[in-house]
N, C-alpha and C. Protein backbone atom coordinates (compact mmCIF):
# COMPACT_ATOMS: atom_id res chain seq x y z
N UNK A 1 -4.46 -0.09 -14.22
CA UNK A 1 -5.23 -0.23 -13.00
C UNK A 1 -4.63 0.59 -11.87
N UNK A 2 -3.32 0.56 -11.66
CA UNK A 2 -2.73 1.25 -10.52
C UNK A 2 -2.18 2.64 -10.87
N UNK A 3 -2.04 2.95 -12.14
CA UNK A 3 -1.43 4.22 -12.54
C UNK A 3 -2.29 5.43 -12.17
N UNK A 4 -3.59 5.32 -12.28
CA UNK A 4 -4.46 6.47 -12.03
C UNK A 4 -4.86 6.63 -10.56
N UNK A 5 -4.34 5.82 -9.69
CA UNK A 5 -4.68 5.86 -8.27
C UNK A 5 -3.72 6.77 -7.52
N UNK A 6 -4.16 7.26 -6.38
CA UNK A 6 -3.30 8.04 -5.49
C UNK A 6 -2.70 7.09 -4.47
N UNK A 7 -1.38 7.15 -4.32
CA UNK A 7 -0.67 6.26 -3.41
C UNK A 7 -0.14 7.05 -2.22
N UNK A 8 -0.19 6.44 -1.04
CA UNK A 8 0.28 7.05 0.20
C UNK A 8 1.37 6.17 0.80
N UNK A 9 2.52 6.78 1.05
CA UNK A 9 3.65 6.05 1.64
C UNK A 9 3.48 5.98 3.15
N UNK A 10 3.95 4.90 3.72
CA UNK A 10 3.90 4.70 5.16
C UNK A 10 4.59 5.85 5.88
N UNK A 11 4.00 6.34 6.96
CA UNK A 11 4.62 7.39 7.76
C UNK A 11 5.83 6.86 8.53
N UNK A 12 5.99 5.55 8.58
CA UNK A 12 7.13 4.95 9.26
C UNK A 12 8.34 4.78 8.34
N UNK A 13 8.22 5.21 7.12
CA UNK A 13 9.31 5.09 6.16
C UNK A 13 10.42 6.06 6.54
N UNK A 14 11.62 5.54 6.69
CA UNK A 14 12.74 6.40 7.07
C UNK A 14 13.37 7.09 5.86
N UNK A 15 13.13 6.55 4.68
CA UNK A 15 13.72 7.11 3.47
C UNK A 15 15.17 6.71 3.27
N UNK A 16 15.71 5.93 4.18
CA UNK A 16 17.10 5.50 4.06
C UNK A 16 17.24 4.48 2.93
N UNK A 17 18.40 4.47 2.30
CA UNK A 17 18.67 3.52 1.22
C UNK A 17 18.52 2.09 1.74
N UNK A 18 17.78 1.29 1.02
CA UNK A 18 17.58 -0.10 1.39
C UNK A 18 16.50 -0.32 2.43
N UNK A 19 15.85 0.75 2.89
CA UNK A 19 14.80 0.57 3.89
C UNK A 19 13.55 -0.03 3.24
N UNK A 20 12.78 -0.74 4.02
CA UNK A 20 11.55 -1.36 3.53
C UNK A 20 10.39 -0.40 3.73
N UNK A 21 9.56 -0.29 2.73
CA UNK A 21 8.42 0.60 2.83
C UNK A 21 7.32 0.13 1.89
N UNK A 22 6.10 0.40 2.28
CA UNK A 22 4.96 0.08 1.43
C UNK A 22 4.14 1.33 1.18
N UNK A 23 3.37 1.28 0.12
CA UNK A 23 2.41 2.33 -0.21
C UNK A 23 1.04 1.70 -0.30
N UNK A 24 0.03 2.49 0.06
CA UNK A 24 -1.35 2.02 0.04
C UNK A 24 -2.19 2.99 -0.78
N UNK A 25 -3.08 2.44 -1.58
CA UNK A 25 -4.05 3.23 -2.31
C UNK A 25 -5.44 2.78 -1.88
N UNK A 26 -6.19 3.72 -1.33
CA UNK A 26 -7.53 3.40 -0.83
C UNK A 26 -8.56 4.11 -1.69
N UNK A 27 -9.21 3.38 -2.55
CA UNK A 27 -10.28 3.94 -3.38
C UNK A 27 -11.54 3.16 -3.03
N UNK A 28 -11.99 2.25 -3.87
CA UNK A 28 -13.12 1.39 -3.52
C UNK A 28 -12.63 0.15 -2.78
N UNK A 29 -11.34 -0.12 -2.95
CA UNK A 29 -10.68 -1.26 -2.33
C UNK A 29 -9.35 -0.77 -1.77
N UNK A 30 -8.50 -1.66 -1.34
CA UNK A 30 -7.17 -1.28 -0.83
C UNK A 30 -6.12 -2.04 -1.63
N UNK A 31 -5.20 -1.29 -2.21
CA UNK A 31 -4.07 -1.90 -2.90
C UNK A 31 -2.80 -1.56 -2.13
N UNK A 32 -1.90 -2.51 -2.03
CA UNK A 32 -0.64 -2.34 -1.31
C UNK A 32 0.49 -2.74 -2.24
N UNK A 33 1.55 -1.91 -2.30
CA UNK A 33 2.69 -2.23 -3.15
C UNK A 33 3.99 -1.82 -2.45
N UNK A 34 5.07 -2.37 -2.95
CA UNK A 34 6.42 -2.05 -2.48
C UNK A 34 6.82 -0.71 -3.08
N UNK A 35 7.23 0.23 -2.25
CA UNK A 35 7.62 1.55 -2.74
C UNK A 35 8.75 1.48 -3.75
N UNK A 36 9.70 0.60 -3.53
CA UNK A 36 10.87 0.50 -4.40
C UNK A 36 10.56 -0.19 -5.73
N UNK A 37 9.38 -0.80 -5.85
CA UNK A 37 9.02 -1.53 -7.06
C UNK A 37 7.57 -1.19 -7.42
N UNK A 38 7.34 0.07 -7.74
CA UNK A 38 5.98 0.55 -7.98
C UNK A 38 5.28 -0.15 -9.15
N UNK A 39 6.04 -0.68 -10.09
CA UNK A 39 5.41 -1.37 -11.22
C UNK A 39 5.31 -2.87 -10.99
N UNK A 40 5.70 -3.33 -9.81
CA UNK A 40 5.67 -4.75 -9.50
C UNK A 40 4.31 -5.22 -9.00
N UNK A 41 4.34 -6.32 -8.30
CA UNK A 41 3.11 -6.96 -7.80
C UNK A 41 2.38 -6.05 -6.81
N UNK A 42 1.07 -6.20 -6.79
CA UNK A 42 0.20 -5.43 -5.90
C UNK A 42 -0.70 -6.40 -5.16
N UNK A 43 -0.83 -6.20 -3.85
CA UNK A 43 -1.79 -6.97 -3.07
C UNK A 43 -3.10 -6.21 -3.07
N UNK A 44 -4.20 -6.89 -3.33
CA UNK A 44 -5.51 -6.26 -3.36
C UNK A 44 -6.38 -6.82 -2.24
N UNK A 45 -7.03 -5.91 -1.52
CA UNK A 45 -7.94 -6.27 -0.44
C UNK A 45 -9.29 -5.61 -0.68
N UNK A 46 -10.36 -6.30 -0.39
CA UNK A 46 -11.68 -5.65 -0.41
C UNK A 46 -11.70 -4.65 0.74
N UNK A 47 -12.62 -3.71 0.70
CA UNK A 47 -12.72 -2.72 1.78
C UNK A 47 -12.96 -3.39 3.13
N UNK A 48 -13.80 -4.39 3.17
CA UNK A 48 -14.09 -5.06 4.44
C UNK A 48 -12.89 -5.87 4.94
N UNK A 49 -12.15 -6.49 4.04
CA UNK A 49 -10.95 -7.24 4.43
C UNK A 49 -9.87 -6.28 4.94
N UNK A 50 -9.72 -5.12 4.31
CA UNK A 50 -8.75 -4.13 4.75
C UNK A 50 -9.10 -3.62 6.15
N UNK A 51 -10.37 -3.31 6.38
CA UNK A 51 -10.81 -2.86 7.72
C UNK A 51 -10.52 -3.92 8.76
N UNK A 52 -10.79 -5.18 8.45
CA UNK A 52 -10.54 -6.27 9.40
C UNK A 52 -9.04 -6.38 9.69
N UNK A 53 -8.21 -6.24 8.68
CA UNK A 53 -6.76 -6.30 8.87
C UNK A 53 -6.30 -5.17 9.78
N UNK A 54 -6.69 -3.95 9.47
CA UNK A 54 -6.28 -2.79 10.27
C UNK A 54 -6.81 -2.89 11.69
N UNK A 55 -8.03 -3.32 11.87
CA UNK A 55 -8.59 -3.46 13.22
C UNK A 55 -7.89 -4.54 14.03
N UNK A 56 -7.33 -5.52 13.36
CA UNK A 56 -6.64 -6.60 14.08
C UNK A 56 -5.24 -6.19 14.53
N UNK A 57 -4.72 -5.12 13.95
CA UNK A 57 -3.37 -4.66 14.31
C UNK A 57 -3.42 -3.89 15.57
C-alpha cells in the first residue's frame, strides 16, 4: 500500500541525528509516517479530513 506512493519529508526537518520528522503522501488520501520508521505504522486521513486538519493549523 505505501511502497508505490511518493513521500514528501517535512521542510522543517533539520536532518540532525535523533530529530523528529514526518513524511506525507498525498494521492487520493493523505498518509503520514515517521521518517525514521518508514515501514512502521501509518496514519491515514481522507482528503476532506486532511484539508480540515491543515486549515485548522
